[in-house]
PDB file of N, CA and C in Angstrom:
ATOM      1  N   MET A   1      93.866  99.731 114.208  1.00  0.00           N
ATOM      2  CA  MET A   1      94.502  99.961 112.896  1.00  0.00           C
ATOM      3  C   MET A   1      93.508  99.492 111.782  1.00  0.00           C
ATOM      4  N   PRO A   2      93.386 100.318 110.751  1.00  0.00           N
ATOM      5  CA  PRO A   2      92.488  99.945 109.650  1.00  0.00           C
ATOM      6  C   PRO A   2      92.966  98.660 108.981  1.00  0.00           C
ATOM      7  N   GLU A   3      92.037  97.927 108.398  1.00  0.00           N
ATOM      8  CA  GLU A   3      92.393  96.690 107.707  1.00  0.00           C
ATOM      9  C   GLU A   3      93.014  96.980 106.347  1.00  0.00           C
ATOM     10  N   ILE A   4      92.792  98.177 105.810  1.00  0.00           N
ATOM     11  CA  ILE A   4      93.293  98.496 104.480  1.00  0.00           C
ATOM     12  C   ILE A   4      93.810  99.937 104.498  1.00  0.00           C
ATOM     13  N   ASN A   5      95.052 100.090 104.040  1.00  0.00           N
ATOM     14  CA  ASN A   5      95.670 101.426 103.955  1.00  0.00           C
ATOM     15  C   ASN A   5      96.033 101.737 102.506  1.00  0.00           C
ATOM     16  N   SER A   6      96.109 102.987 102.152  1.00  0.00           N
ATOM     17  CA  SER A   6      96.531 103.354 100.813  1.00  0.00           C
ATOM     18  C   SER A   6      97.412 104.591 100.841  1.00  0.00           C
ATOM     19  N   ILE A   7      98.296 104.663  99.879  1.00  0.00           N
ATOM     20  CA  ILE A   7      99.146 105.823  99.663  1.00  0.00           C
ATOM     21  C   ILE A   7      99.198 106.052  98.158  1.00  0.00           C
ATOM     22  N   VAL A   8      99.433 107.284  97.767  1.00  0.00           N
ATOM     23  CA  VAL A   8      99.590 107.622  96.352  1.00  0.00           C
ATOM     24  C   VAL A   8     100.953 108.235  96.146  1.00  0.00           C
ATOM     25  N   GLU A   9     101.722 107.649  95.247  1.00  0.00           N
ATOM     26  CA  GLU A   9     103.019 108.204  94.817  1.00  0.00           C
ATOM     27  C   GLU A   9     103.084 108.065  93.310  1.00  0.00           C
ATOM     28  N   ASN A  10     103.497 109.132  92.622  1.00  0.00           N
ATOM     29  CA  ASN A  10     103.657 109.148  91.175  1.00  0.00           C
ATOM     30  C   ASN A  10     102.399 108.680  90.465  1.00  0.00           C
ATOM     31  N   ASN A  11     101.240 109.145  90.967  1.00  0.00           N
ATOM     32  CA  ASN A  11      99.959 108.826  90.360  1.00  0.00           C
ATOM     33  C   ASN A  11      99.600 107.316  90.385  1.00  0.00           C
ATOM     34  N   ILE A  12     100.223 106.569  91.269  1.00  0.00           N
ATOM     35  CA  ILE A  12      99.902 105.176  91.498  1.00  0.00           C
ATOM     36  C   ILE A  12      99.449 105.000  92.971  1.00  0.00           C
ATOM     37  N   CYS A  13      98.289 104.423  93.126  1.00  0.00           N
ATOM     38  CA  CYS A  13      97.762 104.155  94.455  1.00  0.00           C
ATOM     39  C   CYS A  13      98.189 102.749  94.874  1.00  0.00           C
ATOM     40  N   THR A  14      98.954 102.673  95.949  1.00  0.00           N
ATOM     41  CA  THR A  14      99.359 101.400  96.503  1.00  0.00           C
ATOM     42  C   THR A  14      98.476 101.142  97.741  1.00  0.00           C
ATOM     43  N   ILE A  15      97.871  99.974  97.735  1.00  0.00           N
ATOM     44  CA  ILE A  15      96.940  99.591  98.778  1.00  0.00           C
ATOM     45  C   ILE A  15      97.455  98.363  99.493  1.00  0.00           C
ATOM     46  N   LYS A  16      97.520  98.432 100.833  1.00  0.00           N
ATOM     47  CA  LYS A  16      97.981  97.291 101.594  1.00  0.00           C
ATOM     48  C   LYS A  16      96.790  96.728 102.345  1.00  0.00           C
ATOM     49  N   VAL A  17      96.501  95.454 102.100  1.00  0.00           N
ATOM     50  CA  VAL A  17      95.444  94.761 102.852  1.00  0.00           C
ATOM     51  C   VAL A  17      96.126  94.206 104.082  1.00  0.00           C
ATOM     52  N   ARG A  18      95.721  94.736 105.234  1.00  0.00           N
ATOM     53  CA  ARG A  18      96.339  94.367 106.571  1.00  0.00           C
ATOM     54  C   ARG A  18      95.473  93.370 107.273  1.00  0.00           C
ATOM     55  N   SER A  19      95.022  92.367 106.560  1.00  0.00           N
ATOM     56  CA  SER A  19      94.157  91.380 107.152  1.00  0.00           C
ATOM     57  C   SER A  19      94.575  90.041 106.598  1.00  0.00           C
ATOM     58  N   ALA A  20      94.364  88.988 107.432  1.00  0.00           N
ATOM     59  CA  ALA A  20      94.678  87.642 107.009  1.00  0.00           C
ATOM     60  C   ALA A  20      93.741  87.141 105.926  1.00  0.00           C
ATOM     61  N   ALA A  21      92.609  87.814 105.801  1.00  0.00           N
ATOM     62  CA  ALA A  21      91.577  87.385 104.817  1.00  0.00           C
ATOM     63  C   ALA A  21      91.001  88.604 104.121  1.00  0.00           C
ATOM     64  N   LEU A  22      90.744  88.411 102.817  1.00  0.00           N
ATOM     65  CA  LEU A  22      89.954  89.377 102.079  1.00  0.00           C
ATOM     66  C   LEU A  22      88.563  88.742 101.974  1.00  0.00           C
ATOM     67  N   ASN A  23      87.556  89.387 102.568  1.00  0.00           N
ATOM     68  CA  ASN A  23      86.198  88.800 102.649  1.00  0.00           C
ATOM     69  C   ASN A  23      85.198  89.835 102.206  1.00  0.00           C
ATOM     70  N   GLU A  24      83.924  89.477 102.412  1.00  0.00           N
ATOM     71  CA  GLU A  24      82.842  90.373 102.012  1.00  0.00           C
ATOM     72  C   GLU A  24      82.959  91.756 102.633  1.00  0.00           C
ATOM     73  N   LYS A  25      83.218  91.818 103.932  1.00  0.00           N
ATOM     74  CA  LYS A  25      83.289  93.073 104.652  1.00  0.00           C
ATOM     75  C   LYS A  25      84.425  93.976 104.178  1.00  0.00           C
ATOM     76  N   ASN A  26      85.658  93.451 104.249  1.00  0.00           N
ATOM     77  CA  ASN A  26      86.752  94.317 103.918  1.00  0.00           C
ATOM     78  C   ASN A  26      86.959  94.490 102.414  1.00  0.00           C
ATOM     79  N   SER A  27      86.376  93.641 101.582  1.00  0.00           N
ATOM     80  CA  SER A  27      86.444  93.883 100.126  1.00  0.00           C
ATOM     81  C   SER A  27      85.609  95.093  99.740  1.00  0.00           C
ATOM     82  N   ILE A  28      84.551  95.383 100.532  1.00  0.00           N
ATOM     83  CA  ILE A  28      83.753  96.605 100.303  1.00  0.00           C
ATOM     84  C   ILE A  28      84.607  97.830 100.670  1.00  0.00           C
ATOM     85  N   GLU A  29      85.365  97.722 101.768  1.00  0.00           N
ATOM     86  CA  GLU A  29      86.296  98.786 102.134  1.00  0.00           C
ATOM     87  C   GLU A  29      87.305  99.036 101.052  1.00  0.00           C
ATOM     88  N   LEU A  30      87.840  97.927 100.479  1.00  0.00           N
ATOM     89  CA  LEU A  30      88.796  98.027  99.383  1.00  0.00           C
ATOM     90  C   LEU A  30      88.180  98.767  98.191  1.00  0.00           C
ATOM     91  N   GLU A  31      86.970  98.426  97.827  1.00  0.00           N
ATOM     92  CA  GLU A  31      86.276  99.034  96.741  1.00  0.00           C
ATOM     93  C   GLU A  31      86.055 100.524  97.012  1.00  0.00           C
ATOM     94  N   ASP A  32      85.672 100.887  98.222  1.00  0.00           N
ATOM     95  CA  ASP A  32      85.450 102.283  98.602  1.00  0.00           C
ATOM     96  C   ASP A  32      86.769 103.078  98.505  1.00  0.00           C
ATOM     97  N   ILE A  33      87.877 102.517  98.970  1.00  0.00           N
ATOM     98  CA  ILE A  33      89.145 103.218  98.851  1.00  0.00           C
ATOM     99  C   ILE A  33      89.540 103.425  97.402  1.00  0.00           C
ATOM    100  N   ILE A  34      89.353 102.468  96.572  1.00  0.00           N
ATOM    101  CA  ILE A  34      89.724 102.578  95.159  1.00  0.00           C
ATOM    102  C   ILE A  34      88.788 103.621  94.499  1.00  0.00           C
ATOM    103  N   ALA A  35      87.493 103.611  94.829  1.00  0.00           N
ATOM    104  CA  ALA A  35      86.565 104.607  94.252  1.00  0.00           C
ATOM    105  C   ALA A  35      86.967 106.009  94.662  1.00  0.00           C
ATOM    106  N   ALA A  36      87.324 106.179  95.931  1.00  0.00           N
ATOM    107  CA  ALA A  36      87.730 107.534  96.408  1.00  0.00           C
ATOM    108  C   ALA A  36      88.986 107.984  95.723  1.00  0.00           C
ATOM    109  N   ARG A  37      89.962 107.110  95.564  1.00  0.00           N
ATOM    110  CA  ARG A  37      91.201 107.486  94.877  1.00  0.00           C
ATOM    111  C   ARG A  37      90.926 107.746  93.419  1.00  0.00           C
ATOM    112  N   HIS A  38      90.039 106.965  92.792  1.00  0.00           N
ATOM    113  CA  HIS A  38      89.677 107.227  91.403  1.00  0.00           C
ATOM    114  C   HIS A  38      89.065 108.611  91.241  1.00  0.00           C
ATOM    115  N   ASP A  39      88.212 109.000  92.191  1.00  0.00           N
ATOM    116  CA  ASP A  39      87.597 110.295  92.154  1.00  0.00           C
ATOM    117  C   ASP A  39      88.627 111.409  92.273  1.00  0.00           C
ATOM    118  N   GLN A  40      89.810 111.060  92.825  1.00  0.00           N
ATOM    119  CA  GLN A  40      90.921 112.028  92.928  1.00  0.00           C
ATOM    120  C   GLN A  40      91.762 112.023  91.649  1.00  0.00           C
ATOM    121  N   GLY A  41      91.367 111.231  90.642  1.00  0.00           N
ATOM    122  CA  GLY A  41      92.104 111.184  89.427  1.00  0.00           C
ATOM    123  C   GLY A  41      93.106 110.102  89.286  1.00  0.00           C
ATOM    124  N   ILE A  42      93.154 109.180  90.202  1.00  0.00           N
ATOM    125  CA  ILE A  42      94.114 108.037  90.138  1.00  0.00           C
ATOM    126  C   ILE A  42      93.507 106.913  89.296  1.00  0.00           C
ATOM    127  N   HIS A  43      94.319 106.346  88.371  1.00  0.00           N
ATOM    128  CA  HIS A  43      93.839 105.271  87.509  1.00  0.00           C
ATOM    129  C   HIS A  43      94.736 104.026  87.552  1.00  0.00           C
ATOM    130  N   GLU A  44      95.798 104.077  88.344  1.00  0.00           N
ATOM    131  CA  GLU A  44      96.661 102.913  88.450  1.00  0.00           C
ATOM    132  C   GLU A  44      96.686 102.494  89.935  1.00  0.00           C
ATOM    133  N   PHE A  45      96.498 101.176  90.157  1.00  0.00           N
ATOM    134  CA  PHE A  45      96.417 100.659  91.485  1.00  0.00           C
ATOM    135  C   PHE A  45      97.263  99.438  91.657  1.00  0.00           C
ATOM    136  N   LEU A  46      97.936  99.300  92.792  1.00  0.00           N
ATOM    137  CA  LEU A  46      98.782  98.154  93.134  1.00  0.00           C
ATOM    138  C   LEU A  46      98.283  97.693  94.527  1.00  0.00           C
ATOM    139  N   ILE A  47      97.835  96.438  94.603  1.00  0.00           N
ATOM    140  CA  ILE A  47      97.363  95.920  95.886  1.00  0.00           C
ATOM    141  C   ILE A  47      98.392  94.937  96.447  1.00  0.00           C
ATOM    142  N   ASP A  48      98.832  95.245  97.668  1.00  0.00           N
ATOM    143  CA  ASP A  48      99.843  94.447  98.367  1.00  0.00           C
ATOM    144  C   ASP A  48      99.083  93.429  99.260  1.00  0.00           C
ATOM    145  N   PHE A  49      99.224  92.148  98.945  1.00  0.00           N
ATOM    146  CA  PHE A  49      98.567  91.079  99.698  1.00  0.00           C
ATOM    147  C   PHE A  49      99.544  90.332 100.651  1.00  0.00           C
ATOM    148  N   SER A  50     100.631  90.996 101.058  1.00  0.00           N
ATOM    149  CA  SER A  50     101.638  90.278 101.834  1.00  0.00           C
ATOM    150  C   SER A  50     101.150  89.746 103.191  1.00  0.00           C
ATOM    151  N   GLU A  51     100.109  90.378 103.713  1.00  0.00           N
ATOM    152  CA  GLU A  51      99.559  89.890 105.008  1.00  0.00           C
ATOM    153  C   GLU A  51      98.321  89.072 104.844  1.00  0.00           C
ATOM    154  N   THR A  52      97.891  88.817 103.629  1.00  0.00           N
ATOM    155  CA  THR A  52      96.669  88.105 103.333  1.00  0.00           C
ATOM    156  C   THR A  52      96.935  86.633 103.000  1.00  0.00           C
ATOM    157  N   LYS A  53      96.295  85.763 103.725  1.00  0.00           N
ATOM    158  CA  LYS A  53      96.524  84.335 103.492  1.00  0.00           C
ATOM    159  C   LYS A  53      95.321  83.660 102.845  1.00  0.00           C
ATOM    160  N   PHE A  54      94.139  84.305 102.863  1.00  0.00           N
ATOM    161  CA  PHE A  54      92.902  83.691 102.363  1.00  0.00           C
ATOM    162  C   PHE A  54      92.038  84.744 101.726  1.00  0.00           C
ATOM    163  N   ILE A  55      91.371  84.405 100.626  1.00  0.00           N
ATOM    164  CA  ILE A  55      90.380  85.241  99.983  1.00  0.00           C
ATOM    165  C   ILE A  55      89.163  84.375  99.765  1.00  0.00           C
ATOM    166  N   ASP A  56      88.014  84.807 100.337  1.00  0.00           N
ATOM    167  CA  ASP A  56      86.790  84.035 100.142  1.00  0.00           C
ATOM    168  C   ASP A  56      86.193  84.350  98.795  1.00  0.00           C
ATOM    169  N   SER A  57      85.126  83.685  98.434  1.00  0.00           N
ATOM    170  CA  SER A  57      84.534  83.838  97.094  1.00  0.00           C
ATOM    171  C   SER A  57      83.992  85.260  96.870  1.00  0.00           C
ATOM    172  N   ARG A  58      83.452  85.852  97.941  1.00  0.00           N
ATOM    173  CA  ARG A  58      82.938  87.221  97.770  1.00  0.00           C
ATOM    174  C   ARG A  58      84.090  88.235  97.633  1.00  0.00           C
ATOM    175  N   GLY A  59      85.173  88.001  98.372  1.00  0.00           N
ATOM    176  CA  GLY A  59      86.350  88.861  98.260  1.00  0.00           C
ATOM    177  C   GLY A  59      86.980  88.761  96.844  1.00  0.00           C
ATOM    178  N   LEU A  60      87.025  87.528  96.326  1.00  0.00           N
ATOM    179  CA  LEU A  60      87.577  87.303  94.980  1.00  0.00           C
ATOM    180  C   LEU A  60      86.667  87.946  93.923  1.00  0.00           C
ATOM    181  N   GLY A  61      85.360  87.757  94.120  1.00  0.00           N
ATOM    182  CA  GLY A  61      84.384  88.333  93.158  1.00  0.00           C
ATOM    183  C   GLY A  61      84.485  89.863  93.158  1.00  0.00           C
ATOM    184  N   LYS A  62      84.636  90.440  94.346  1.00  0.00           N
ATOM    185  CA  LYS A  62      84.754  91.887  94.452  1.00  0.00           C
ATOM    186  C   LYS A  62      86.047  92.363  93.745  1.00  0.00           C
ATOM    187  N   LEU A  63      87.142  91.638  93.974  1.00  0.00           N
ATOM    188  CA  LEU A  63      88.409  91.947  93.366  1.00  0.00           C
ATOM    189  C   LEU A  63      88.303  91.959  91.847  1.00  0.00           C
ATOM    190  N   LEU A  64      87.620  90.974  91.292  1.00  0.00           N
ATOM    191  CA  LEU A  64      87.425  90.877  89.818  1.00  0.00           C
ATOM    192  C   LEU A  64      86.513  92.032  89.328  1.00  0.00           C
ATOM    193  N   CYS A  65      85.504  92.348  90.074  1.00  0.00           N
ATOM    194  CA  CYS A  65      84.620  93.478  89.689  1.00  0.00           C
ATOM    195  C   CYS A  65      85.356  94.816  89.746  1.00  0.00           C
ATOM    196  N   ILE A  66      86.227  95.008  90.755  1.00  0.00           N
ATOM    197  CA  ILE A  66      87.039  96.202  90.856  1.00  0.00           C
ATOM    198  C   ILE A  66      87.948  96.298  89.647  1.00  0.00           C
ATOM    199  N   ASN A  67      88.592  95.203  89.325  1.00  0.00           N
ATOM    200  CA  ASN A  67      89.489  95.134  88.173  1.00  0.00           C
ATOM    201  C   ASN A  67      88.766  95.534  86.875  1.00  0.00           C
ATOM    202  N   LYS A  68      87.622  94.963  86.670  1.00  0.00           N
ATOM    203  CA  LYS A  68      86.818  95.264  85.481  1.00  0.00           C
ATOM    204  C   LYS A  68      86.464  96.738  85.392  1.00  0.00           C
ATOM    205  N   ALA A  69      86.021  97.307  86.488  1.00  0.00           N
ATOM    206  CA  ALA A  69      85.672  98.739  86.502  1.00  0.00           C
ATOM    207  C   ALA A  69      86.899  99.629  86.184  1.00  0.00           C
ATOM    208  N   ILE A  70      88.024  99.276  86.781  1.00  0.00           N
ATOM    209  CA  ILE A  70      89.237 100.047  86.536  1.00  0.00           C
ATOM    210  C   ILE A  70      89.650  99.987  85.089  1.00  0.00           C
ATOM    211  N   GLU A  71      89.654  98.746  84.506  1.00  0.00           N
ATOM    212  CA  GLU A  71      90.031  98.572  83.105  1.00  0.00           C
ATOM    213  C   GLU A  71      89.080  99.276  82.162  1.00  0.00           C
ATOM    214  N   GLU A  72      87.775  99.225  82.483  1.00  0.00           N
ATOM    215  CA  GLU A  72      86.807  99.911  81.566  1.00  0.00           C
ATOM    216  C   GLU A  72      87.008 101.395  81.536  1.00  0.00           C
ATOM    217  N   ASP A  73      87.655 101.929  82.578  1.00  0.00           N
ATOM    218  CA  ASP A  73      87.941 103.367  82.646  1.00  0.00           C
ATOM    219  C   ASP A  73      89.325 103.685  82.161  1.00  0.00           C
ATOM    220  N   GLY A  74      90.011 102.659  81.564  1.00  0.00           N
ATOM    221  CA  GLY A  74      91.338 102.891  81.049  1.00  0.00           C
ATOM    222  C   GLY A  74      92.457 102.791  82.093  1.00  0.00           C
ATOM    223  N   GLY A  75      92.148 102.305  83.252  1.00  0.00           N
ATOM    224  CA  GLY A  75      93.119 102.171  84.322  1.00  0.00           C
ATOM    225  C   GLY A  75      93.734 100.788  84.367  1.00  0.00           C
ATOM    226  N   LYS A  76      94.544 100.595  85.394  1.00  0.00           N
ATOM    227  CA  LYS A  76      95.253  99.304  85.557  1.00  0.00           C
ATOM    228  C   LYS A  76      95.283  98.902  87.025  1.00  0.00           C
ATOM    229  N   LEU A  77      95.012  97.634  87.271  1.00  0.00           N
ATOM    230  CA  LEU A  77      95.126  97.082  88.667  1.00  0.00           C
ATOM    231  C   LEU A  77      96.141  95.923  88.597  1.00  0.00           C
ATOM    232  N   LYS A  78      97.105  95.991  89.511  1.00  0.00           N
ATOM    233  CA  LYS A  78      98.078  94.941  89.678  1.00  0.00           C
ATOM    234  C   LYS A  78      98.094  94.471  91.120  1.00  0.00           C
ATOM    235  N   ILE A  79      98.515  93.258  91.342  1.00  0.00           N
ATOM    236  CA  ILE A  79      98.646  92.735  92.700  1.00  0.00           C
ATOM    237  C   ILE A  79     100.091  92.321  92.909  1.00  0.00           C
ATOM    238  N   CYS A  80     100.536  92.387  94.184  1.00  0.00           N
ATOM    239  CA  CYS A  80     101.917  92.085  94.478  1.00  0.00           C
ATOM    240  C   CYS A  80     102.041  91.456  95.856  1.00  0.00           C
ATOM    241  N   ARG A  81     103.217  90.876  96.118  1.00  0.00           N
ATOM    242  CA  ARG A  81     103.590  90.349  97.400  1.00  0.00           C
ATOM    243  C   ARG A  81     102.583  89.354  97.908  1.00  0.00           C
ATOM    244  N   ILE A  82     102.265  88.369  97.078  1.00  0.00           N
ATOM    245  CA  ILE A  82     101.255  87.379  97.352  1.00  0.00           C
ATOM    246  C   ILE A  82     101.901  86.145  98.029  1.00  0.00           C
ATOM    247  N   SER A  83     101.234  85.643  99.039  1.00  0.00           N
ATOM    248  CA  SER A  83     101.740  84.444  99.725  1.00  0.00           C
ATOM    249  C   SER A  83     101.774  83.255  98.757  1.00  0.00           C
ATOM    250  N   ASP A  84     102.600  82.317  99.044  1.00  0.00           N
ATOM    251  CA  ASP A  84     102.659  81.147  98.169  1.00  0.00           C
ATOM    252  C   ASP A  84     101.352  80.444  98.026  1.00  0.00           C
ATOM    253  N   LEU A  85     100.597  80.351  99.097  1.00  0.00           N
ATOM    254  CA  LEU A  85      99.266  79.664  99.050  1.00  0.00           C
ATOM    255  C   LEU A  85      98.299  80.407  98.137  1.00  0.00           C
ATOM    256  N   LEU A  86      98.221  81.722  98.298  1.00  0.00           N
ATOM    257  CA  LEU A  86      97.323  82.527  97.397  1.00  0.00           C
ATOM    258  C   LEU A  86      97.837  82.514  95.995  1.00  0.00           C
ATOM    259  N   ASP A  87      99.162  82.549  95.845  1.00  0.00           N
ATOM    260  CA  ASP A  87      99.723  82.530  94.500  1.00  0.00           C
ATOM    261  C   ASP A  87      99.329  81.283  93.757  1.00  0.00           C
ATOM    262  N   ARG A  88      99.413  80.131  94.392  1.00  0.00           N
ATOM    263  CA  ARG A  88      98.980  78.854  93.768  1.00  0.00           C
ATOM    264  C   ARG A  88      97.483  78.878  93.454  1.00  0.00           C
ATOM    265  N   ALA A  89      96.694  79.375  94.398  1.00  0.00           N
ATOM    266  CA  ALA A  89      95.235  79.481  94.134  1.00  0.00           C
ATOM    267  C   ALA A  89      94.949  80.387  92.972  1.00  0.00           C
ATOM    268  N   PHE A  90      95.535  81.562  92.937  1.00  0.00           N
ATOM    269  CA  PHE A  90      95.343  82.480  91.807  1.00  0.00           C
ATOM    270  C   PHE A  90      95.775  81.882  90.492  1.00  0.00           C
ATOM    271  N   ASP A  91      96.880  81.153  90.521  1.00  0.00           N
ATOM    272  CA  ASP A  91      97.398  80.492  89.320  1.00  0.00           C
ATOM    273  C   ASP A  91      96.366  79.426  88.846  1.00  0.00           C
ATOM    274  N   ASN A  92      95.913  78.595  89.768  1.00  0.00           N
ATOM    275  CA  ASN A  92      94.954  77.548  89.424  1.00  0.00           C
ATOM    276  C   ASN A  92      93.627  78.094  88.940  1.00  0.00           C
ATOM    277  N   LEU A  93      93.197  79.199  89.482  1.00  0.00           N
ATOM    278  CA  LEU A  93      91.958  79.846  89.086  1.00  0.00           C
ATOM    279  C   LEU A  93      92.118  80.763  87.846  1.00  0.00           C
ATOM    280  N   GLN A  94      93.353  80.850  87.350  1.00  0.00           N
ATOM    281  CA  GLN A  94      93.698  81.657  86.204  1.00  0.00           C
ATOM    282  C   GLN A  94      93.386  83.141  86.411  1.00  0.00           C
ATOM    283  N   ILE A  95      93.543  83.593  87.679  1.00  0.00           N
ATOM    284  CA  ILE A  95      93.303  84.998  88.008  1.00  0.00           C
ATOM    285  C   ILE A  95      94.352  85.891  87.261  1.00  0.00           C
ATOM    286  N   TYR A  96      95.548  85.347  87.086  1.00  0.00           N
ATOM    287  CA  TYR A  96      96.606  86.109  86.443  1.00  0.00           C
ATOM    288  C   TYR A  96      96.365  86.344  84.961  1.00  0.00           C
ATOM    289  N   SER A  97      95.352  85.674  84.412  1.00  0.00           N
ATOM    290  CA  SER A  97      95.010  85.992  83.028  1.00  0.00           C
ATOM    291  C   SER A  97      94.126  87.258  82.951  1.00  0.00           C
ATOM    292  N   VAL A  98      93.662  87.684  84.150  1.00  0.00           N
ATOM    293  CA  VAL A  98      92.787  88.861  84.244  1.00  0.00           C
ATOM    294  C   VAL A  98      93.477  90.015  84.991  1.00  0.00           C
ATOM    295  N   ILE A  99      94.125  89.666  86.099  1.00  0.00           N
ATOM    296  CA  ILE A  99      94.791  90.657  86.912  1.00  0.00           C
ATOM    297  C   ILE A  99      96.313  90.384  86.910  1.00  0.00           C
ATOM    298  N   GLU A 100      97.087  91.390  86.592  1.00  0.00           N
ATOM    299  CA  GLU A 100      98.538  91.200  86.510  1.00  0.00           C
ATOM    300  C   GLU A 100      99.173  91.122  87.880  1.00  0.00           C
ATOM    301  N   LYS A 101     100.106  90.151  88.007  1.00  0.00           N
ATOM    302  CA  LYS A 101     100.929  90.074  89.230  1.00  0.00           C
ATOM    303  C   LYS A 101     102.241  90.831  88.975  1.00  0.00           C
ATOM    304  N   ASP A 102     102.522  91.766  89.857  1.00  0.00           N
ATOM    305  CA  ASP A 102     103.740  92.586  89.720  1.00  0.00           C
ATOM    306  C   ASP A 102     104.797  91.890  90.587  1.00  0.00           C
ATOM    307  N   GLU A 103     105.690  91.160  89.939  1.00  0.00           N
ATOM    308  CA  GLU A 103     106.778  90.449  90.651  1.00  0.00           C
ATOM    309  C   GLU A 103     107.986  91.343  90.869  1.00  0.00           C
ATOM    310  N   SER A 104     108.004  92.496  90.293  1.00  0.00           N
ATOM    311  CA  SER A 104     109.166  93.344  90.426  1.00  0.00           C
ATOM    312  C   SER A 104     109.077  94.280  91.626  1.00  0.00           C
ATOM    313  N   PHE A 105     107.936  94.267  92.291  1.00  0.00           N
ATOM    314  CA  PHE A 105     107.766  95.240  93.403  1.00  0.00           C
ATOM    315  C   PHE A 105     108.677  94.810  94.563  1.00  0.00           C
ATOM    316  N   PRO A 106     109.472  95.746  95.055  1.00  0.00           N
ATOM    317  CA  PRO A 106     110.426  95.437  96.105  1.00  0.00           C
ATOM    318  C   PRO A 106     109.777  95.032  97.389  1.00  0.00           C
ATOM    319  N   ALA A 107     110.421  94.174  98.135  1.00  0.00           N
ATOM    320  CA  ALA A 107     109.964  93.809  99.470  1.00  0.00           C
ATOM    321  C   ALA A 107     110.042  95.015 100.406  1.00  0.00           C
ATOM    322  N   GLY A 108     109.317  95.020 101.476  1.00  0.00           N
ATOM    323  CA  GLY A 108     109.359  96.086 102.439  1.00  0.00           C
ATOM    324  C   GLY A 108     107.944  96.585 102.699  1.00  0.00           C
ATOM    325  N   ASN A 109     107.845  97.513 103.616  1.00  0.00           N
ATOM    326  CA  ASN A 109     106.540  98.006 103.977  1.00  0.00           C
ATOM    327  C   ASN A 109     106.069  99.042 102.999  1.00  0.00           C
ATOM    328  N   ILE A 110     104.862  98.864 102.525  1.00  0.00           N
ATOM    329  CA  ILE A 110     104.231  99.875 101.666  1.00  0.00           C
ATOM    330  C   ILE A 110     102.886 100.209 102.211  1.00  0.00           C
ATOM    331  N   ALA A 111     102.391 101.346 101.875  1.00  0.00           N
ATOM    332  CA  ALA A 111     101.077 101.876 102.324  1.00  0.00           C
ATOM    333  C   ALA A 111     100.912 101.712 103.804  1.00  0.00           C
ATOM    334  N   ASP A 112     101.980 102.069 104.586  1.00  0.00           N
ATOM    335  CA  ASP A 112     101.887 102.026 106.019  1.00  0.00           C
ATOM    336  C   ASP A 112     101.231 103.269 106.474  1.00  0.00           C
TER     337      ASP A 112
END
């Protein structure tokens, strides 16, 4: 099973990270998926981190670079379904001042 899946509905690409960690290797896969969807005309992205418990510095750096590129092109990146541990880390690192957390996203399987 791939570590990252994506689906597009209503011009929004929802991406599910199916790994316990976002690291250097799979963050490149995330970037490639977003670039491919962007080439298809998608400008809004929602990343589901429900299965992710850890993000290393390279994964976090890549996530911030992806966000910057999306915003520079007039798009939007949001994150959702974040574990309590990651949520506290993102809050302490002030990631939410840069990347919006979507708390309204319903629970359940997405991007399967």
